[in-house]
Amino acid sequence: LNEAMNIKYIEEVADDRGWSRRDCVLRVLSVLMCDRTTVEGIF
């Protein structure tokens, strides 16, 4: 939930995870398209 509600910039993800820029962009996009109700519902 914290990750979903506090979306990082692409550069922050890259610095934190060390992933390729492509994967960092895809990760940020994925979180933007999923809200907290989904996370809460899944659990």
All heavy atoms as atom14 arrays in JSON, in Angstrom:
{
  "sequence": "LNEAMNIKYIEEVADDRGWSRRDCVLRVLSVLMCDRTTVEGIF",
  "atom14_mask": [
    [1, 1, 1, 1, 1, 1, 1, 1, 0, 0, 0, 0, 0, 0],
    [1, 1, 1, 1, 1, 1, 1, 1, 0, 0, 0, 0, 0, 0],
    [1, 1, 1, 1, 1, 1, 1, 1, 1, 0, 0, 0, 0, 0],
    [1, 1, 1, 1, 1, 0, 0, 0, 0, 0, 0, 0, 0, 0],
    [1, 1, 1, 1, 1, 1, 1, 1, 0, 0, 0, 0, 0, 0],
    [1, 1, 1, 1, 1, 1, 1, 1, 0, 0, 0, 0, 0, 0],
    [1, 1, 1, 1, 1, 1, 1, 1, 0, 0, 0, 0, 0, 0],
    [1, 1, 1, 1, 1, 1, 1, 1, 1, 0, 0, 0, 0, 0],
    [1, 1, 1, 1, 1, 1, 1, 1, 1, 1, 1, 1, 0, 0],
    [1, 1, 1, 1, 1, 1, 1, 1, 0, 0, 0, 0, 0, 0],
    [1, 1, 1, 1, 1, 1, 1, 1, 1, 0, 0, 0, 0, 0],
    [1, 1, 1, 1, 1, 1, 1, 1, 1, 0, 0, 0, 0, 0],
    [1, 1, 1, 1, 1, 1, 1, 0, 0, 0, 0, 0, 0, 0],
    [1, 1, 1, 1, 1, 0, 0, 0, 0, 0, 0, 0, 0, 0],
    [1, 1, 1, 1, 1, 1, 1, 1, 0, 0, 0, 0, 0, 0],
    [1, 1, 1, 1, 1, 1, 1, 1, 0, 0, 0, 0, 0, 0],
    [1, 1, 1, 1, 1, 1, 1, 1, 1, 1, 1, 0, 0, 0],
    [1, 1, 1, 1, 0, 0, 0, 0, 0, 0, 0, 0, 0, 0],
    [1, 1, 1, 1, 1, 1, 1, 1, 1, 1, 1, 1, 1, 1],
    [1, 1, 1, 1, 1, 1, 0, 0, 0, 0, 0, 0, 0, 0],
    [1, 1, 1, 1, 1, 1, 1, 1, 1, 1, 1, 0, 0, 0],
    [1, 1, 1, 1, 1, 1, 1, 1, 1, 1, 1, 0, 0, 0],
    [1, 1, 1, 1, 1, 1, 1, 1, 0, 0, 0, 0, 0, 0],
    [1, 1, 1, 1, 1, 1, 0, 0, 0, 0, 0, 0, 0, 0],
    [1, 1, 1, 1, 1, 1, 1, 0, 0, 0, 0, 0, 0, 0],
    [1, 1, 1, 1, 1, 1, 1, 1, 0, 0, 0, 0, 0, 0],
    [1, 1, 1, 1, 1, 1, 1, 1, 1, 1, 1, 0, 0, 0],
    [1, 1, 1, 1, 1, 1, 1, 0, 0, 0, 0, 0, 0, 0],
    [1, 1, 1, 1, 1, 1, 1, 1, 0, 0, 0, 0, 0, 0],
    [1, 1, 1, 1, 1, 1, 0, 0, 0, 0, 0, 0, 0, 0],
    [1, 1, 1, 1, 1, 1, 1, 0, 0, 0, 0, 0, 0, 0],
    [1, 1, 1, 1, 1, 1, 1, 1, 0, 0, 0, 0, 0, 0],
    [1, 1, 1, 1, 1, 1, 1, 1, 0, 0, 0, 0, 0, 0],
    [1, 1, 1, 1, 1, 1, 0, 0, 0, 0, 0, 0, 0, 0],
    [1, 1, 1, 1, 1, 1, 1, 1, 0, 0, 0, 0, 0, 0],
    [1, 1, 1, 1, 1, 1, 1, 1, 1, 1, 1, 0, 0, 0],
    [1, 1, 1, 1, 1, 1, 1, 0, 0, 0, 0, 0, 0, 0],
    [1, 1, 1, 1, 1, 1, 1, 0, 0, 0, 0, 0, 0, 0],
    [1, 1, 1, 1, 1, 1, 1, 0, 0, 0, 0, 0, 0, 0],
    [1, 1, 1, 1, 1, 1, 1, 1, 1, 0, 0, 0, 0, 0],
    [1, 1, 1, 1, 0, 0, 0, 0, 0, 0, 0, 0, 0, 0],
    [1, 1, 1, 1, 1, 1, 1, 1, 0, 0, 0, 0, 0, 0],
    [1, 1, 1, 1, 1, 1, 1, 1, 1, 1, 1, 0, 0, 0]
  ],
  "atom14_positions": [
    [[0.83, -1.21, 0.0], [0.0, 0.0, 0.0], [0.86, 1.26, 0.0], [0.55, 2.23, -0.69], [-0.94, 0.0, 1.21], [-2.21, -0.83, 1.1], [-2.94, -0.88, 2.44], [-3.13, -0.27, 0.01], [0.0, 0.0, 0.0], [0.0, 0.0, 0.0], [0.0, 0.0, 0.0], [0.0, 0.0, 0.0], [0.0, 0.0, 0.0], [0.0, 0.0, 0.0]],
    [[1.91, 1.24, 0.76], [2.8, 2.4, 0.81], [3.43, 2.66, -0.57], [3.54, 3.81, -1.0], [3.91, 2.16, 1.84], [4.88, 3.33, 1.92], [4.52, 4.43, 2.34], [6.12, 3.09, 1.51], [0.0, 0.0, 0.0], [0.0, 0.0, 0.0], [0.0, 0.0, 0.0], [0.0, 0.0, 0.0], [0.0, 0.0, 0.0], [0.0, 0.0, 0.0]],
    [[3.8, 1.58, -1.23], [4.37, 1.73, -2.57], [3.34, 2.26, -3.56], [3.65, 3.07, -4.43], [4.91, 0.38, -3.06], [5.67, 0.46, -4.37], [6.22, -0.87, -4.83], [5.48, -1.87, -4.75], [7.37, -0.91, -5.28], [0.0, 0.0, 0.0], [0.0, 0.0, 0.0], [0.0, 0.0, 0.0], [0.0, 0.0, 0.0], [0.0, 0.0, 0.0]],
    [[2.07, 1.8, -3.4], [1.01, 2.21, -4.31], [0.58, 3.66, -4.08], [0.18, 4.36, -5.02], [-0.19, 1.28, -4.17], [0.0, 0.0, 0.0], [0.0, 0.0, 0.0], [0.0, 0.0, 0.0], [0.0, 0.0, 0.0], [0.0, 0.0, 0.0], [0.0, 0.0, 0.0], [0.0, 0.0, 0.0], [0.0, 0.0, 0.0], [0.0, 0.0, 0.0]],
    [[0.65, 4.11, -2.84], [0.19, 5.46, -2.51], [1.29, 6.51, -2.61], [1.01, 7.7, -2.72], [-0.39, 5.47, -1.08], [-1.59, 4.56, -0.89], [-2.94, 4.94, -2.03], [-3.4, 6.57, -1.46], [0.0, 0.0, 0.0], [0.0, 0.0, 0.0], [0.0, 0.0, 0.0], [0.0, 0.0, 0.0], [0.0, 0.0, 0.0], [0.0, 0.0, 0.0]],
    [[2.54, 6.08, -2.57], [3.66, 7.01, -2.65], [4.52, 6.65, -3.86], [5.6, 6.06, -3.74], [4.5, 6.96, -1.37], [3.69, 7.36, -0.14], [3.41, 8.53, 0.06], [3.31, 6.38, 0.67], [0.0, 0.0, 0.0], [0.0, 0.0, 0.0], [0.0, 0.0, 0.0], [0.0, 0.0, 0.0], [0.0, 0.0, 0.0], [0.0, 0.0, 0.0]],
    [[3.99, 6.99, -5.0], [4.61, 6.58, -6.26], [5.92, 7.33, -6.49], [5.98, 8.55, -6.4], [3.64, 6.82, -7.43], [2.36, 6.0, -7.21], [4.28, 6.44, -8.76], [1.24, 6.32, -8.19], [0.0, 0.0, 0.0], [0.0, 0.0, 0.0], [0.0, 0.0, 0.0], [0.0, 0.0, 0.0], [0.0, 0.0, 0.0], [0.0, 0.0, 0.0]],
    [[6.96, 6.57, -6.79], [8.28, 7.15, -6.98], [8.49, 7.6, -8.43], [7.82, 7.13, -9.35], [9.36, 6.13, -6.62], [9.38, 5.72, -5.17], [10.5, 4.73, -4.91], [10.58, 4.34, -3.44], [11.68, 3.38, -3.18], [0.0, 0.0, 0.0], [0.0, 0.0, 0.0], [0.0, 0.0, 0.0], [0.0, 0.0, 0.0], [0.0, 0.0, 0.0]],
    [[9.41, 8.54, -8.59], [9.84, 8.92, -9.92], [10.68, 7.78, -10.51], [11.24, 6.95, -9.79], [10.65, 10.21, -9.89], [9.85, 11.44, -9.56], [9.92, 12.01, -8.28], [9.02, 12.04, -10.51], [9.19, 13.15, -7.97], [8.28, 13.17, -10.2], [8.36, 13.71, -8.93], [7.63, 14.83, -8.62], [0.0, 0.0, 0.0], [0.0, 0.0, 0.0]],
    [[10.76, 7.76, -11.83], [11.51, 6.71, -12.51], [12.96, 6.69, -12.04], [13.53, 5.61, -11.79], [11.45, 6.93, -14.04], [10.01, 6.74, -14.53], [12.4, 5.97, -14.76], [9.78, 7.19, -15.96], [0.0, 0.0, 0.0], [0.0, 0.0, 0.0], [0.0, 0.0, 0.0], [0.0, 0.0, 0.0], [0.0, 0.0, 0.0], [0.0, 0.0, 0.0]],
    [[13.55, 7.86, -11.86], [14.95, 7.92, -11.43], [15.12, 7.36, -10.02], [16.15, 6.73, -9.71], [15.44, 9.37, -11.48], [15.6, 9.94, -12.89], [14.27, 10.26, -13.55], [13.24, 10.33, -12.84], [14.26, 10.43, -14.79], [0.0, 0.0, 0.0], [0.0, 0.0, 0.0], [0.0, 0.0, 0.0], [0.0, 0.0, 0.0], [0.0, 0.0, 0.0]],
    [[14.12, 7.57, -9.16], [14.18, 7.04, -7.8], [14.15, 5.52, -7.81], [14.88, 4.86, -7.05], [13.01, 7.58, -6.98], [13.07, 9.05, -6.65], [11.87, 9.49, -5.83], [10.76, 9.5, -6.38], [12.05, 9.79, -4.63], [0.0, 0.0, 0.0], [0.0, 0.0, 0.0], [0.0, 0.0, 0.0], [0.0, 0.0, 0.0], [0.0, 0.0, 0.0]],
    [[13.29, 4.95, -8.66], [13.22, 3.49, -8.77], [14.54, 2.94, -9.28], [15.04, 1.91, -8.79], [12.05, 3.06, -9.7], [12.02, 1.55, -9.85], [10.73, 3.56, -9.16], [0.0, 0.0, 0.0], [0.0, 0.0, 0.0], [0.0, 0.0, 0.0], [0.0, 0.0, 0.0], [0.0, 0.0, 0.0], [0.0, 0.0, 0.0], [0.0, 0.0, 0.0]],
    [[15.12, 3.61, -10.25], [16.39, 3.16, -10.81], [17.49, 3.18, -9.76], [18.29, 2.23, -9.65], [16.78, 4.04, -12.0], [0.0, 0.0, 0.0], [0.0, 0.0, 0.0], [0.0, 0.0, 0.0], [0.0, 0.0, 0.0], [0.0, 0.0, 0.0], [0.0, 0.0, 0.0], [0.0, 0.0, 0.0], [0.0, 0.0, 0.0], [0.0, 0.0, 0.0]],
    [[17.52, 4.24, -8.96], [18.54, 4.33, -7.91], [18.32, 3.29, -6.82], [19.28, 2.72, -6.28], [18.53, 5.74, -7.29], [19.03, 6.8, -8.24], [19.73, 6.44, -9.2], [18.7, 8.0, -8.02], [0.0, 0.0, 0.0], [0.0, 0.0, 0.0], [0.0, 0.0, 0.0], [0.0, 0.0, 0.0], [0.0, 0.0, 0.0], [0.0, 0.0, 0.0]],
    [[17.05, 3.02, -6.52], [16.71, 2.1, -5.43], [16.89, 0.64, -5.82], [17.39, -0.17, -5.04], [15.26, 2.35, -4.99], [14.85, 1.51, -3.8], [15.7, 1.29, -2.91], [13.69, 1.06, -3.75], [0.0, 0.0, 0.0], [0.0, 0.0, 0.0], [0.0, 0.0, 0.0], [0.0, 0.0, 0.0], [0.0, 0.0, 0.0], [0.0, 0.0, 0.0]],
    [[16.48, 0.3, -7.04], [16.46, -1.1, -7.46], [17.62, -1.48, -8.38], [17.94, -2.66, -8.5], [15.13, -1.42, -8.16], [13.88, -1.07, -7.35], [13.7, -1.99, -6.15], [12.53, -1.64, -5.38], [11.3, -2.1, -5.59], [11.09, -2.95, -6.59], [10.29, -1.74, -4.82], [0.0, 0.0, 0.0], [0.0, 0.0, 0.0], [0.0, 0.0, 0.0]],
    [[18.16, -0.5, -9.1], [19.23, -0.83, -10.04], [18.74, -1.51, -11.31], [19.51, -2.15, -12.02], [0.0, 0.0, 0.0], [0.0, 0.0, 0.0], [0.0, 0.0, 0.0], [0.0, 0.0, 0.0], [0.0, 0.0, 0.0], [0.0, 0.0, 0.0], [0.0, 0.0, 0.0], [0.0, 0.0, 0.0], [0.0, 0.0, 0.0], [0.0, 0.0, 0.0]],
    [[17.45, -1.37, -11.62], [16.88, -1.98, -12.83], [17.19, -1.12, -14.05], [17.6, 0.03, -13.94], [15.37, -2.12, -12.69], [14.91, -2.99, -11.57], [15.64, -3.92, -10.89], [13.6, -3.01, -10.97], [14.87, -4.53, -9.91], [13.62, -3.99, -9.95], [12.42, -2.31, -11.21], [12.51, -4.27, -9.16], [11.3, -2.59, -10.44], [11.35, -3.57, -9.43]],
    [[16.91, -1.67, -15.23], [17.04, -0.9, -16.46], [15.99, 0.2, -16.48], [14.96, 0.12, -15.8], [16.85, -1.82, -17.68], [15.49, -2.24, -17.76], [0.0, 0.0, 0.0], [0.0, 0.0, 0.0], [0.0, 0.0, 0.0], [0.0, 0.0, 0.0], [0.0, 0.0, 0.0], [0.0, 0.0, 0.0], [0.0, 0.0, 0.0], [0.0, 0.0, 0.0]],
    [[16.23, 1.23, -17.28], [15.26, 2.32, -17.38], [13.91, 1.79, -17.89], [12.84, 2.21, -17.43], [15.77, 3.42, -18.3], [14.78, 4.58, -18.42], [15.35, 5.76, -19.18], [14.34, 6.8, -19.35], [14.01, 7.69, -18.41], [14.63, 7.66, -17.24], [13.07, 8.6, -18.64], [0.0, 0.0, 0.0], [0.0, 0.0, 0.0], [0.0, 0.0, 0.0]],
    [[13.96, 0.89, -18.85], [12.71, 0.3, -19.36], [11.89, -0.32, -18.25], [10.69, -0.05, -18.11], [13.04, -0.78, -20.4], [11.82, -1.52, -20.95], [12.22, -2.83, -21.59], [12.81, -3.74, -20.62], [13.55, -4.79, -20.92], [13.83, -5.06, -22.18], [14.03, -5.58, -19.97], [0.0, 0.0, 0.0], [0.0, 0.0, 0.0], [0.0, 0.0, 0.0]],
    [[12.52, -1.14, -17.42], [11.78, -1.81, -16.36], [11.3, -0.83, -15.29], [10.24, -1.03, -14.69], [12.64, -2.91, -15.74], [12.87, -4.07, -16.7], [12.06, -4.23, -17.63], [13.86, -4.8, -16.54], [0.0, 0.0, 0.0], [0.0, 0.0, 0.0], [0.0, 0.0, 0.0], [0.0, 0.0, 0.0], [0.0, 0.0, 0.0], [0.0, 0.0, 0.0]],
    [[12.07, 0.2, -15.05], [11.64, 1.22, -14.08], [10.41, 1.97, -14.58], [9.48, 2.25, -13.81], [12.78, 2.21, -13.81], [14.18, 1.49, -12.91], [0.0, 0.0, 0.0], [0.0, 0.0, 0.0], [0.0, 0.0, 0.0], [0.0, 0.0, 0.0], [0.0, 0.0, 0.0], [0.0, 0.0, 0.0], [0.0, 0.0, 0.0], [0.0, 0.0, 0.0]],
    [[10.4, 2.3, -15.87], [9.24, 2.97, -16.46], [8.01, 2.08, -16.36], [6.91, 2.53, -15.98], [9.51, 3.34, -17.94], [8.23, 3.8, -18.63], [10.58, 4.42, -18.03], [0.0, 0.0, 0.0], [0.0, 0.0, 0.0], [0.0, 0.0, 0.0], [0.0, 0.0, 0.0], [0.0, 0.0, 0.0], [0.0, 0.0, 0.0], [0.0, 0.0, 0.0]],
    [[8.17, 0.81, -16.7], [7.05, -0.12, -16.65], [6.53, -0.29, -15.23], [5.32, -0.42, -15.0], [7.48, -1.48, -17.23], [7.8, -1.5, -18.72], [8.38, -2.84, -19.12], [6.55, -1.19, -19.54], [0.0, 0.0, 0.0], [0.0, 0.0, 0.0], [0.0, 0.0, 0.0], [0.0, 0.0, 0.0], [0.0, 0.0, 0.0], [0.0, 0.0, 0.0]],
    [[7.45, -0.28, -14.26], [7.05, -0.43, -12.86], [6.23, 0.76, -12.39], [5.19, 0.61, -11.74], [8.27, -0.63, -11.97], [7.95, -0.79, -10.49], [7.01, -1.96, -10.27], [6.5, -2.02, -8.92], [5.35, -2.59, -8.58], [4.58, -3.15, -9.51], [4.97, -2.62, -7.33], [0.0, 0.0, 0.0], [0.0, 0.0, 0.0], [0.0, 0.0, 0.0]],
    [[6.68, 1.96, -12.72], [5.95, 3.17, -12.32], [4.56, 3.19, -12.98], [3.56, 3.51, -12.34], [6.75, 4.43, -12.68], [5.9, 5.69, -12.46], [8.02, 4.5, -11.83], [0.0, 0.0, 0.0], [0.0, 0.0, 0.0], [0.0, 0.0, 0.0], [0.0, 0.0, 0.0], [0.0, 0.0, 0.0], [0.0, 0.0, 0.0], [0.0, 0.0, 0.0]],
    [[4.49, 2.83, -14.25], [3.21, 2.78, -14.94], [2.25, 1.8, -14.27], [1.06, 2.07, -14.11], [3.42, 2.37, -16.4], [3.86, 3.47, -17.38], [4.15, 2.86, -18.74], [2.78, 4.54, -17.5], [0.0, 0.0, 0.0], [0.0, 0.0, 0.0], [0.0, 0.0, 0.0], [0.0, 0.0, 0.0], [0.0, 0.0, 0.0], [0.0, 0.0, 0.0]],
    [[2.78, 0.65, -13.88], [1.92, -0.39, -13.28], [1.28, 0.09, -11.99], [0.1, -0.15, -11.73], [2.73, -1.67, -13.04], [3.68, -1.5, -12.0], [0.0, 0.0, 0.0], [0.0, 0.0, 0.0], [0.0, 0.0, 0.0], [0.0, 0.0, 0.0], [0.0, 0.0, 0.0], [0.0, 0.0, 0.0], [0.0, 0.0, 0.0], [0.0, 0.0, 0.0]],
    [[2.05, 0.78, -11.15], [1.52, 1.27, -9.89], [0.48, 2.36, -10.12], [-0.52, 2.45, -9.41], [2.67, 1.79, -8.99], [2.11, 2.35, -7.69], [3.65, 0.66, -8.68], [0.0, 0.0, 0.0], [0.0, 0.0, 0.0], [0.0, 0.0, 0.0], [0.0, 0.0, 0.0], [0.0, 0.0, 0.0], [0.0, 0.0, 0.0], [0.0, 0.0, 0.0]],
    [[0.7, 3.18, -11.14], [-0.25, 4.24, -11.46], [-1.61, 3.67, -11.88], [-2.64, 4.33, -11.7], [0.31, 5.12, -12.59], [1.42, 6.1, -12.21], [2.06, 6.68, -13.46], [0.87, 7.21, -11.32], [0.0, 0.0, 0.0], [0.0, 0.0, 0.0], [0.0, 0.0, 0.0], [0.0, 0.0, 0.0], [0.0, 0.0, 0.0], [0.0, 0.0, 0.0]],
    [[-1.61, 2.46, -12.42], [-2.85, 1.86, -12.93], [-3.5, 0.9, -11.94], [-4.38, 0.12, -12.3], [-2.57, 1.13, -14.25], [-2.17, 2.05, -15.38], [-2.07, 1.22, -16.98], [-0.57, 0.24, -16.76], [0.0, 0.0, 0.0], [0.0, 0.0, 0.0], [0.0, 0.0, 0.0], [0.0, 0.0, 0.0], [0.0, 0.0, 0.0], [0.0, 0.0, 0.0]],
    [[-3.1, 0.94, -10.68], [-3.67, 0.06, -9.66], [-3.84, 0.86, -8.37], [-2.87, 1.39, -7.84], [-2.76, -1.14, -9.43], [-3.35, -2.31, -8.19], [0.0, 0.0, 0.0], [0.0, 0.0, 0.0], [0.0, 0.0, 0.0], [0.0, 0.0, 0.0], [0.0, 0.0, 0.0], [0.0, 0.0, 0.0], [0.0, 0.0, 0.0], [0.0, 0.0, 0.0]],
    [[-5.09, 0.97, -7.86], [-5.3, 1.78, -6.66], [-5.38, 0.93, -5.39], [-5.36, -0.3, -5.44], [-6.55, 2.66, -6.8], [-7.82, 1.86, -7.03], [-7.95, 0.76, -6.45], [-8.7, 2.33, -7.77], [0.0, 0.0, 0.0], [0.0, 0.0, 0.0], [0.0, 0.0, 0.0], [0.0, 0.0, 0.0], [0.0, 0.0, 0.0], [0.0, 0.0, 0.0]],
    [[-5.51, 1.6, -4.25], [-5.46, 0.92, -2.97], [-6.63, -0.04, -2.76], [-6.5, -1.01, -2.02], [-5.37, 1.92, -1.83], [-6.59, 2.77, -1.59], [-6.42, 3.62, -0.33], [-6.21, 2.81, 0.85], [-5.28, 3.06, 1.76], [-4.49, 4.11, 1.62], [-5.15, 2.27, 2.81], [0.0, 0.0, 0.0], [0.0, 0.0, 0.0], [0.0, 0.0, 0.0]],
    [[-7.77, 0.21, -3.4], [-8.92, -0.7, -3.21], [-8.6, -2.1, -3.73], [-9.08, -3.09, -3.18], [-10.17, -0.16, -3.91], [-9.91, 0.01, -5.32], [-10.59, 1.18, -3.32], [0.0, 0.0, 0.0], [0.0, 0.0, 0.0], [0.0, 0.0, 0.0], [0.0, 0.0, 0.0], [0.0, 0.0, 0.0], [0.0, 0.0, 0.0], [0.0, 0.0, 0.0]],
    [[-7.8, -2.17, -4.79], [-7.4, -3.49, -5.31], [-6.5, -4.2, -4.3], [-6.7, -5.39, -4.01], [-6.65, -3.33, -6.65], [-7.53, -2.78, -7.63], [-6.14, -4.69, -7.14], [0.0, 0.0, 0.0], [0.0, 0.0, 0.0], [0.0, 0.0, 0.0], [0.0, 0.0, 0.0], [0.0, 0.0, 0.0], [0.0, 0.0, 0.0], [0.0, 0.0, 0.0]],
    [[-5.52, -3.49, -3.78], [-4.6, -4.1, -2.81], [-5.37, -4.58, -1.58], [-5.19, -5.72, -1.12], [-3.51, -3.09, -2.4], [-2.6, -3.69, -1.32], [-2.69, -2.65, -3.61], [0.0, 0.0, 0.0], [0.0, 0.0, 0.0], [0.0, 0.0, 0.0], [0.0, 0.0, 0.0], [0.0, 0.0, 0.0], [0.0, 0.0, 0.0], [0.0, 0.0, 0.0]],
    [[-6.23, -3.72, -1.06], [-7.01, -4.09, 0.13], [-7.94, -5.26, -0.16], [-8.11, -6.17, 0.66], [-7.79, -2.88, 0.63], [-6.9, -1.79, 1.19], [-7.65, -0.51, 1.5], [-8.76, -0.32, 0.96], [-7.13, 0.31, 2.29], [0.0, 0.0, 0.0], [0.0, 0.0, 0.0], [0.0, 0.0, 0.0], [0.0, 0.0, 0.0], [0.0, 0.0, 0.0]],
    [[-8.55, -5.26, -1.36], [-9.44, -6.35, -1.73], [-8.73, -7.68, -1.88], [-9.24, -8.72, -1.45], [0.0, 0.0, 0.0], [0.0, 0.0, 0.0], [0.0, 0.0, 0.0], [0.0, 0.0, 0.0], [0.0, 0.0, 0.0], [0.0, 0.0, 0.0], [0.0, 0.0, 0.0], [0.0, 0.0, 0.0], [0.0, 0.0, 0.0], [0.0, 0.0, 0.0]],
    [[-7.55, -7.66, -2.5], [-6.78, -8.9, -2.68], [-6.51, -9.56, -1.34], [-6.67, -10.78, -1.18], [-5.45, -8.61, -3.41], [-5.69, -8.19, -4.87], [-4.51, -9.82, -3.32], [-6.2, -9.29, -5.76], [0.0, 0.0, 0.0], [0.0, 0.0, 0.0], [0.0, 0.0, 0.0], [0.0, 0.0, 0.0], [0.0, 0.0, 0.0], [0.0, 0.0, 0.0]],
    [[-6.13, -8.77, -0.35], [-5.8, -9.34, 0.95], [-7.04, -9.72, 1.75], [-7.11, -10.8, 2.34], [-4.92, -8.38, 1.75], [-3.49, -8.37, 1.3], [-3.02, -7.38, 0.45], [-2.61, -9.37, 1.7], [-1.7, -7.38, 0.03], [-1.29, -9.38, 1.28], [-0.83, -8.37, 0.43], [0.0, 0.0, 0.0], [0.0, 0.0, 0.0], [0.0, 0.0, 0.0]]
  ]
}
